[in-house]
Amino acid sequence: MDMWQAFMTSAGKQVPKAEIVHDKFHIAKYLGEAVDKVRRSENKALKDEGDETLKGSRQLWLYNVENLSEERYDELMKIQQADLKTGRA
């Protein structure tokens, strides 16, 4: 189910012995949003310093690495190894 608290509360009341399981789609959605939030914040801070390391990298962080071309994959790996908060996220 979705991670919305109202769904979990309702399920807990209606079927108290049921185990709540969150689907991969919603987990991936929330993780992607969290990484993007960190990336936007860090990109803004870097741009203020004149650093454009994260410029144009949004899609790299959101794509499944299996779907990236070799060139884009190499670009992502380079950014991930740059000791940025976004890479750790």
PDB file of N, CA and C in Angstrom:
ATOM      1  N   MET A   1       0.825  -1.194   0.000  1.00  0.00           N
ATOM      2  CA  MET A   1       0.000   0.000   0.000  1.00  0.00           C
ATOM      3  C   MET A   1       0.863   1.249   0.000  1.00  0.00           C
ATOM      4  N   ASP A   2       0.238   2.325  -0.264  1.00  0.00           N
ATOM      5  CA  ASP A   2       0.878   3.639  -0.205  1.00  0.00           C
ATOM      6  C   ASP A   2       1.332   3.893   1.233  1.00  0.00           C
ATOM      7  N   MET A   3       2.310   4.777   1.396  1.00  0.00           N
ATOM      8  CA  MET A   3       2.836   5.078   2.729  1.00  0.00           C
ATOM      9  C   MET A   3       2.055   6.179   3.437  1.00  0.00           C
ATOM     10  N   TRP A   4       0.953   6.594   2.870  1.00  0.00           N
ATOM     11  CA  TRP A   4       0.163   7.652   3.478  1.00  0.00           C
ATOM     12  C   TRP A   4      -0.385   7.172   4.822  1.00  0.00           C
ATOM     13  N   GLN A   5      -0.224   7.964   5.851  1.00  0.00           N
ATOM     14  CA  GLN A   5      -0.599   7.584   7.210  1.00  0.00           C
ATOM     15  C   GLN A   5      -2.070   7.206   7.320  1.00  0.00           C
ATOM     16  N   ALA A   6      -2.941   7.887   6.585  1.00  0.00           N
ATOM     17  CA  ALA A   6      -4.379   7.579   6.651  1.00  0.00           C
ATOM     18  C   ALA A   6      -4.650   6.148   6.188  1.00  0.00           C
ATOM     19  N   PHE A   7      -3.955   5.675   5.153  1.00  0.00           N
ATOM     20  CA  PHE A   7      -4.131   4.301   4.682  1.00  0.00           C
ATOM     21  C   PHE A   7      -3.676   3.305   5.741  1.00  0.00           C
ATOM     22  N   MET A   8      -2.521   3.584   6.327  1.00  0.00           N
ATOM     23  CA  MET A   8      -1.989   2.666   7.338  1.00  0.00           C
ATOM     24  C   MET A   8      -2.874   2.616   8.581  1.00  0.00           C
ATOM     25  N   THR A   9      -3.385   3.766   9.001  1.00  0.00           N
ATOM     26  CA  THR A   9      -4.268   3.821  10.163  1.00  0.00           C
ATOM     27  C   THR A   9      -5.559   3.059   9.905  1.00  0.00           C
ATOM     28  N   SER A  10      -6.138   3.285   8.736  1.00  0.00           N
ATOM     29  CA  SER A  10      -7.383   2.600   8.372  1.00  0.00           C
ATOM     30  C   SER A  10      -7.182   1.090   8.305  1.00  0.00           C
ATOM     31  N   ALA A  11      -6.090   0.665   7.681  1.00  0.00           N
ATOM     32  CA  ALA A  11      -5.813  -0.769   7.580  1.00  0.00           C
ATOM     33  C   ALA A  11      -5.616  -1.367   8.964  1.00  0.00           C
ATOM     34  N   GLY A  12      -4.920  -0.644   9.838  1.00  0.00           N
ATOM     35  CA  GLY A  12      -4.701  -1.119  11.198  1.00  0.00           C
ATOM     36  C   GLY A  12      -5.990  -1.291  11.980  1.00  0.00           C
ATOM     37  N   LYS A  13      -6.956  -0.424  11.723  1.00  0.00           N
ATOM     38  CA  LYS A  13      -8.252  -0.506  12.416  1.00  0.00           C
ATOM     39  C   LYS A  13      -9.135  -1.607  11.825  1.00  0.00           C
ATOM     40  N   GLN A  14      -9.133  -1.721  10.493  1.00  0.00           N
ATOM     41  CA  GLN A  14     -10.014  -2.675   9.817  1.00  0.00           C
ATOM     42  C   GLN A  14      -9.512  -4.114   9.901  1.00  0.00           C
ATOM     43  N   VAL A  15      -8.221  -4.302   9.798  1.00  0.00           N
ATOM     44  CA  VAL A  15      -7.625  -5.635   9.846  1.00  0.00           C
ATOM     45  C   VAL A  15      -6.377  -5.585  10.732  1.00  0.00           C
ATOM     46  N   PRO A  16      -6.588  -5.539  12.047  1.00  0.00           N
ATOM     47  CA  PRO A  16      -5.491  -5.303  12.980  1.00  0.00           C
ATOM     48  C   PRO A  16      -4.365  -6.345  12.943  1.00  0.00           C
ATOM     49  N   LYS A  17      -4.642  -7.553  12.503  1.00  0.00           N
ATOM     50  CA  LYS A  17      -3.604  -8.584  12.478  1.00  0.00           C
ATOM     51  C   LYS A  17      -2.857  -8.631  11.139  1.00  0.00           C
ATOM     52  N   ALA A  18      -3.296  -7.814  10.194  1.00  0.00           N
ATOM     53  CA  ALA A  18      -2.646  -7.803   8.878  1.00  0.00           C
ATOM     54  C   ALA A  18      -1.309  -7.077   8.957  1.00  0.00           C
ATOM     55  N   GLU A  19      -0.361  -7.564   8.190  1.00  0.00           N
ATOM     56  CA  GLU A  19       0.942  -6.911   8.113  1.00  0.00           C
ATOM     57  C   GLU A  19       0.908  -5.895   6.972  1.00  0.00           C
ATOM     58  N   ILE A  20       1.341  -4.693   7.256  1.00  0.00           N
ATOM     59  CA  ILE A  20       1.356  -3.641   6.233  1.00  0.00           C
ATOM     60  C   ILE A  20       2.630  -3.768   5.420  1.00  0.00           C
ATOM     61  N   VAL A  21       2.455  -3.800   4.108  1.00  0.00           N
ATOM     62  CA  VAL A  21       3.582  -3.920   3.192  1.00  0.00           C
ATOM     63  C   VAL A  21       3.498  -2.760   2.208  1.00  0.00           C
ATOM     64  N   HIS A  22       4.628  -2.087   2.002  1.00  0.00           N
ATOM     65  CA  HIS A  22       4.686  -0.968   1.062  1.00  0.00           C
ATOM     66  C   HIS A  22       5.251  -1.452  -0.257  1.00  0.00           C
ATOM     67  N   ASP A  23       4.619  -1.044  -1.349  1.00  0.00           N
ATOM     68  CA  ASP A  23       5.062  -1.506  -2.659  1.00  0.00           C
ATOM     69  C   ASP A  23       6.320  -0.766  -3.118  1.00  0.00           C
ATOM     70  N   LYS A  24       7.063  -1.410  -4.016  1.00  0.00           N
ATOM     71  CA  LYS A  24       8.333  -0.870  -4.498  1.00  0.00           C
ATOM     72  C   LYS A  24       8.150   0.471  -5.204  1.00  0.00           C
ATOM     73  N   PHE A  25       7.039   0.647  -5.908  1.00  0.00           N
ATOM     74  CA  PHE A  25       6.805   1.899  -6.626  1.00  0.00           C
ATOM     75  C   PHE A  25       6.835   3.083  -5.670  1.00  0.00           C
ATOM     76  N   HIS A  26       6.092   2.983  -4.558  1.00  0.00           N
ATOM     77  CA  HIS A  26       6.015   4.100  -3.624  1.00  0.00           C
ATOM     78  C   HIS A  26       7.335   4.313  -2.879  1.00  0.00           C
ATOM     79  N   ILE A  27       8.020   3.243  -2.549  1.00  0.00           N
ATOM     80  CA  ILE A  27       9.316   3.387  -1.896  1.00  0.00           C
ATOM     81  C   ILE A  27      10.292   4.099  -2.831  1.00  0.00           C
ATOM     82  N   ALA A  28      10.336   3.660  -4.098  1.00  0.00           N
ATOM     83  CA  ALA A  28      11.224   4.290  -5.084  1.00  0.00           C
ATOM     84  C   ALA A  28      10.854   5.750  -5.292  1.00  0.00           C
ATOM     85  N   LYS A  29       9.566   6.051  -5.288  1.00  0.00           N
ATOM     86  CA  LYS A  29       9.101   7.426  -5.463  1.00  0.00           C
ATOM     87  C   LYS A  29       9.621   8.317  -4.330  1.00  0.00           C
ATOM     88  N   TYR A  30       9.451   7.871  -3.097  1.00  0.00           N
ATOM     89  CA  TYR A  30       9.887   8.672  -1.957  1.00  0.00           C
ATOM     90  C   TYR A  30      11.409   8.819  -1.918  1.00  0.00           C
ATOM     91  N   LEU A  31      12.119   7.761  -2.251  1.00  0.00           N
ATOM     92  CA  LEU A  31      13.584   7.844  -2.279  1.00  0.00           C
ATOM     93  C   LEU A  31      14.051   8.811  -3.362  1.00  0.00           C
ATOM     94  N   GLY A  32      13.428   8.729  -4.539  1.00  0.00           N
ATOM     95  CA  GLY A  32      13.779   9.636  -5.635  1.00  0.00           C
ATOM     96  C   GLY A  32      13.526  11.088  -5.261  1.00  0.00           C
ATOM     97  N   GLU A  33      12.406  11.341  -4.604  1.00  0.00           N
ATOM     98  CA  GLU A  33      12.084  12.706  -4.178  1.00  0.00           C
ATOM     99  C   GLU A  33      13.079  13.208  -3.142  1.00  0.00           C
ATOM    100  N   ALA A  34      13.498  12.333  -2.246  1.00  0.00           N
ATOM    101  CA  ALA A  34      14.456  12.730  -1.215  1.00  0.00           C
ATOM    102  C   ALA A  34      15.816  13.069  -1.838  1.00  0.00           C
ATOM    103  N   VAL A  35      16.277  12.236  -2.764  1.00  0.00           N
ATOM    104  CA  VAL A  35      17.556  12.502  -3.431  1.00  0.00           C
ATOM    105  C   VAL A  35      17.468  13.804  -4.216  1.00  0.00           C
ATOM    106  N   ASP A  36      16.338  14.016  -4.899  1.00  0.00           N
ATOM    107  CA  ASP A  36      16.188  15.232  -5.692  1.00  0.00           C
ATOM    108  C   ASP A  36      16.167  16.473  -4.806  1.00  0.00           C
ATOM    109  N   LYS A  37      15.577  16.371  -3.632  1.00  0.00           N
ATOM    110  CA  LYS A  37      15.555  17.506  -2.696  1.00  0.00           C
ATOM    111  C   LYS A  37      16.977  17.859  -2.254  1.00  0.00           C
ATOM    112  N   VAL A  38      17.773  16.845  -1.944  1.00  0.00           N
ATOM    113  CA  VAL A  38      19.169  17.079  -1.562  1.00  0.00           C
ATOM    114  C   VAL A  38      19.930  17.678  -2.740  1.00  0.00           C
ATOM    115  N   ARG A  39      19.721  17.120  -3.952  1.00  0.00           N
ATOM    116  CA  ARG A  39      20.419  17.607  -5.140  1.00  0.00           C
ATOM    117  C   ARG A  39      20.099  19.065  -5.413  1.00  0.00           C
ATOM    118  N   ARG A  40      18.826  19.445  -5.334  1.00  0.00           N
ATOM    119  CA  ARG A  40      18.438  20.837  -5.591  1.00  0.00           C
ATOM    120  C   ARG A  40      19.091  21.784  -4.594  1.00  0.00           C
ATOM    121  N   SER A  41      19.080  21.406  -3.333  1.00  0.00           N
ATOM    122  CA  SER A  41      19.682  22.247  -2.296  1.00  0.00           C
ATOM    123  C   SER A  41      21.190  22.383  -2.509  1.00  0.00           C
ATOM    124  N   GLU A  42      21.830  21.267  -2.765  1.00  0.00           N
ATOM    125  CA  GLU A  42      23.275  21.294  -2.956  1.00  0.00           C
ATOM    126  C   GLU A  42      23.654  22.015  -4.245  1.00  0.00           C
ATOM    127  N   ASN A  43      22.887  21.813  -5.298  1.00  0.00           N
ATOM    128  CA  ASN A  43      23.158  22.493  -6.564  1.00  0.00           C
ATOM    129  C   ASN A  43      23.079  24.009  -6.394  1.00  0.00           C
ATOM    130  N   LYS A  44      22.091  24.469  -5.635  1.00  0.00           N
ATOM    131  CA  LYS A  44      21.951  25.904  -5.393  1.00  0.00           C
ATOM    132  C   LYS A  44      23.180  26.448  -4.652  1.00  0.00           C
ATOM    133  N   ALA A  45      23.618  25.731  -3.628  1.00  0.00           N
ATOM    134  CA  ALA A  45      24.790  26.161  -2.856  1.00  0.00           C
ATOM    135  C   ALA A  45      26.051  26.164  -3.732  1.00  0.00           C
ATOM    136  N   LEU A  46      26.203  25.133  -4.562  1.00  0.00           N
ATOM    137  CA  LEU A  46      27.373  25.060  -5.435  1.00  0.00           C
ATOM    138  C   LEU A  46      27.356  26.169  -6.484  1.00  0.00           C
ATOM    139  N   LYS A  47      26.175  26.444  -7.037  1.00  0.00           N
ATOM    140  CA  LYS A  47      26.068  27.504  -8.042  1.00  0.00           C
ATOM    141  C   LYS A  47      26.441  28.858  -7.462  1.00  0.00           C
ATOM    142  N   ASP A  48      26.083  29.084  -6.199  1.00  0.00           N
ATOM    143  CA  ASP A  48      26.441  30.345  -5.538  1.00  0.00           C
ATOM    144  C   ASP A  48      27.958  30.507  -5.430  1.00  0.00           C
ATOM    145  N   GLU A  49      28.672  29.371  -5.414  1.00  0.00           N
ATOM    146  CA  GLU A  49      30.135  29.392  -5.356  1.00  0.00           C
ATOM    147  C   GLU A  49      30.760  29.332  -6.750  1.00  0.00           C
ATOM    148  N   GLY A  50      29.927  29.268  -7.788  1.00  0.00           N
ATOM    149  CA  GLY A  50      30.427  29.196  -9.158  1.00  0.00           C
ATOM    150  C   GLY A  50      30.724  27.788  -9.641  1.00  0.00           C
ATOM    151  N   ASP A  51      30.326  26.791  -8.891  1.00  0.00           N
ATOM    152  CA  ASP A  51      30.567  25.385  -9.240  1.00  0.00           C
ATOM    153  C   ASP A  51      29.315  24.809  -9.896  1.00  0.00           C
ATOM    154  N   GLU A  52      29.458  24.265 -11.089  1.00  0.00           N
ATOM    155  CA  GLU A  52      28.307  23.710 -11.810  1.00  0.00           C
ATOM    156  C   GLU A  52      28.396  22.192 -11.938  1.00  0.00           C
ATOM    157  N   THR A  53      28.972  21.534 -10.955  1.00  0.00           N
ATOM    158  CA  THR A  53      29.145  20.080 -10.966  1.00  0.00           C
ATOM    159  C   THR A  53      27.826  19.346 -11.158  1.00  0.00           C
ATOM    160  N   LEU A  54      26.759  19.801 -10.506  1.00  0.00           N
ATOM    161  CA  LEU A  54      25.479  19.099 -10.555  1.00  0.00           C
ATOM    162  C   LEU A  54      24.543  19.608 -11.655  1.00  0.00           C
ATOM    163  N   LYS A  55      24.962  20.614 -12.388  1.00  0.00           N
ATOM    164  CA  LYS A  55      24.109  21.188 -13.422  1.00  0.00           C
ATOM    165  C   LYS A  55      23.754  20.114 -14.463  1.00  0.00           C
ATOM    166  N   GLY A  56      22.464  19.968 -14.727  1.00  0.00           N
ATOM    167  CA  GLY A  56      21.984  19.031 -15.729  1.00  0.00           C
ATOM    168  C   GLY A  56      22.047  17.571 -15.319  1.00  0.00           C
ATOM    169  N   SER A  57      22.188  17.306 -14.025  1.00  0.00           N
ATOM    170  CA  SER A  57      22.333  15.913 -13.589  1.00  0.00           C
ATOM    171  C   SER A  57      21.053  15.301 -13.024  1.00  0.00           C
ATOM    172  N   ARG A  58      19.961  16.032 -13.017  1.00  0.00           N
ATOM    173  CA  ARG A  58      18.732  15.543 -12.378  1.00  0.00           C
ATOM    174  C   ARG A  58      18.321  14.171 -12.887  1.00  0.00           C
ATOM    175  N   GLN A  59      18.270  13.997 -14.198  1.00  0.00           N
ATOM    176  CA  GLN A  59      17.820  12.724 -14.762  1.00  0.00           C
ATOM    177  C   GLN A  59      18.765  11.579 -14.422  1.00  0.00           C
ATOM    178  N   LEU A  60      20.048  11.881 -14.287  1.00  0.00           N
ATOM    179  CA  LEU A  60      21.006  10.827 -13.936  1.00  0.00           C
ATOM    180  C   LEU A  60      20.652  10.182 -12.601  1.00  0.00           C
ATOM    181  N   TRP A  61      20.231  10.994 -11.653  1.00  0.00           N
ATOM    182  CA  TRP A  61      19.914  10.490 -10.310  1.00  0.00           C
ATOM    183  C   TRP A  61      18.589   9.742 -10.294  1.00  0.00           C
ATOM    184  N   LEU A  62      17.691  10.060 -11.210  1.00  0.00           N
ATOM    185  CA  LEU A  62      16.355   9.464 -11.198  1.00  0.00           C
ATOM    186  C   LEU A  62      16.248   8.191 -12.028  1.00  0.00           C
ATOM    187  N   TYR A  63      17.129   8.018 -13.010  1.00  0.00           N
ATOM    188  CA  TYR A  63      17.065   6.847 -13.880  1.00  0.00           C
ATOM    189  C   TYR A  63      17.626   5.613 -13.175  1.00  0.00           C
ATOM    190  N   ASN A  64      17.132   4.459 -13.573  1.00  0.00           N
ATOM    191  CA  ASN A  64      17.720   3.199 -13.166  1.00  0.00           C
ATOM    192  C   ASN A  64      19.055   3.091 -13.888  1.00  0.00           C
ATOM    193  N   VAL A  65      20.127   2.801 -13.188  1.00  0.00           N
ATOM    194  CA  VAL A  65      21.450   2.771 -13.822  1.00  0.00           C
ATOM    195  C   VAL A  65      21.514   1.768 -14.969  1.00  0.00           C
ATOM    196  N   GLU A  66      20.680   0.754 -14.933  1.00  0.00           N
ATOM    197  CA  GLU A  66      20.652  -0.239 -16.013  1.00  0.00           C
ATOM    198  C   GLU A  66      20.140   0.362 -17.316  1.00  0.00           C
ATOM    199  N   ASN A  67      19.415   1.467 -17.239  1.00  0.00           N
ATOM    200  CA  ASN A  67      18.855   2.102 -18.427  1.00  0.00           C
ATOM    201  C   ASN A  67      19.709   3.250 -18.960  1.00  0.00           C
ATOM    202  N   LEU A  68      20.833   3.521 -18.335  1.00  0.00           N
ATOM    203  CA  LEU A  68      21.706   4.606 -18.777  1.00  0.00           C
ATOM    204  C   LEU A  68      22.671   4.108 -19.849  1.00  0.00           C
ATOM    205  N   SER A  69      22.969   4.982 -20.785  1.00  0.00           N
ATOM    206  CA  SER A  69      23.999   4.646 -21.769  1.00  0.00           C
ATOM    207  C   SER A  69      25.341   4.593 -21.033  1.00  0.00           C
ATOM    208  N   GLU A  70      26.339   4.017 -21.663  1.00  0.00           N
ATOM    209  CA  GLU A  70      27.649   3.911 -21.026  1.00  0.00           C
ATOM    210  C   GLU A  70      28.212   5.289 -20.693  1.00  0.00           C
ATOM    211  N   GLU A  71      27.990   6.243 -21.598  1.00  0.00           N
ATOM    212  CA  GLU A  71      28.473   7.612 -21.386  1.00  0.00           C
ATOM    213  C   GLU A  71      27.796   8.263 -20.188  1.00  0.00           C
ATOM    214  N   ARG A  72      26.472   8.125 -20.099  1.00  0.00           N
ATOM    215  CA  ARG A  72      25.726   8.724 -18.979  1.00  0.00           C
ATOM    216  C   ARG A  72      26.057   8.016 -17.663  1.00  0.00           C
ATOM    217  N   TYR A  73      26.279   6.701 -17.736  1.00  0.00           N
ATOM    218  CA  TYR A  73      26.660   5.939 -16.550  1.00  0.00           C
ATOM    219  C   TYR A  73      28.001   6.447 -16.007  1.00  0.00           C
ATOM    220  N   ASP A  74      28.963   6.635 -16.907  1.00  0.00           N
ATOM    221  CA  ASP A  74      30.275   7.148 -16.501  1.00  0.00           C
ATOM    222  C   ASP A  74      30.153   8.538 -15.879  1.00  0.00           C
ATOM    223  N   GLU A  75      29.271   9.350 -16.441  1.00  0.00           N
ATOM    224  CA  GLU A  75      29.029  10.697 -15.904  1.00  0.00           C
ATOM    225  C   GLU A  75      28.462  10.615 -14.482  1.00  0.00           C
ATOM    226  N   LEU A  76      27.508   9.709 -14.276  1.00  0.00           N
ATOM    227  CA  LEU A  76      26.926   9.529 -12.945  1.00  0.00           C
ATOM    228  C   LEU A  76      27.968   9.056 -11.944  1.00  0.00           C
ATOM    229  N   MET A  77      28.788   8.094 -12.333  1.00  0.00           N
ATOM    230  CA  MET A  77      29.821   7.574 -11.427  1.00  0.00           C
ATOM    231  C   MET A  77      30.822   8.669 -11.044  1.00  0.00           C
ATOM    232  N   LYS A  78      31.161   9.524 -11.992  1.00  0.00           N
ATOM    233  CA  LYS A  78      32.087  10.624 -11.718  1.00  0.00           C
ATOM    234  C   LYS A  78      31.491  11.585 -10.681  1.00  0.00           C
ATOM    235  N   ILE A  79      30.213  11.908 -10.844  1.00  0.00           N
ATOM    236  CA  ILE A  79      29.555  12.818  -9.902  1.00  0.00           C
ATOM    237  C   ILE A  79      29.403  12.148  -8.540  1.00  0.00           C
ATOM    238  N   GLN A  80      29.055  10.861  -8.521  1.00  0.00           N
ATOM    239  CA  GLN A  80      28.879  10.153  -7.247  1.00  0.00           C
ATOM    240  C   GLN A  80      30.164  10.105  -6.437  1.00  0.00           C
ATOM    241  N   GLN A  81      31.294  10.051  -7.097  1.00  0.00           N
ATOM    242  CA  GLN A  81      32.574   9.953  -6.408  1.00  0.00           C
ATOM    243  C   GLN A  81      33.157  11.320  -6.052  1.00  0.00           C
ATOM    244  N   ALA A  82      32.402  12.390  -6.291  1.00  0.00           N
ATOM    245  CA  ALA A  82      32.892  13.748  -6.053  1.00  0.00           C
ATOM    246  C   ALA A  82      32.696  14.220  -4.612  1.00  0.00           C
ATOM    247  N   ASP A  83      32.363  13.319  -3.695  1.00  0.00           N
ATOM    248  CA  ASP A  83      32.179  13.651  -2.283  1.00  0.00           C
ATOM    249  C   ASP A  83      31.136  14.755  -2.085  1.00  0.00           C
ATOM    250  N   LEU A  84      29.964  14.537  -2.693  1.00  0.00           N
ATOM    251  CA  LEU A  84      28.860  15.474  -2.549  1.00  0.00           C
ATOM    252  C   LEU A  84      27.760  14.857  -1.702  1.00  0.00           C
ATOM    253  N   LYS A  85      26.950  15.693  -1.090  1.00  0.00           N
ATOM    254  CA  LYS A  85      25.815  15.213  -0.301  1.00  0.00           C
ATOM    255  C   LYS A  85      24.858  14.420  -1.182  1.00  0.00           C
ATOM    256  N   THR A  86      24.692  14.846  -2.412  1.00  0.00           N
ATOM    257  CA  THR A  86      23.779  14.172  -3.332  1.00  0.00           C
ATOM    258  C   THR A  86      24.229  12.744  -3.574  1.00  0.00           C
ATOM    259  N   GLY A  87      25.512  12.521  -3.741  1.00  0.00           N
ATOM    260  CA  GLY A  87      26.032  11.176  -3.951  1.00  0.00           C
ATOM    261  C   GLY A  87      25.798  10.285  -2.743  1.00  0.00           C
ATOM    262  N   ARG A  88      25.909  10.847  -1.551  1.00  0.00           N
ATOM    263  CA  ARG A  88      25.658  10.077  -0.337  1.00  0.00           C
ATOM    264  C   ARG A  88      24.171   9.789  -0.170  1.00  0.00           C
ATOM    265  N   ALA A  89      23.336  10.724  -0.613  1.00  0.00           N
ATOM    266  CA  ALA A  89      21.887  10.516  -0.511  1.00  0.00           C
ATOM    267  C   ALA A  89      21.480   9.363  -1.397  1.00  0.00           C
TER     268      ALA A  89
END
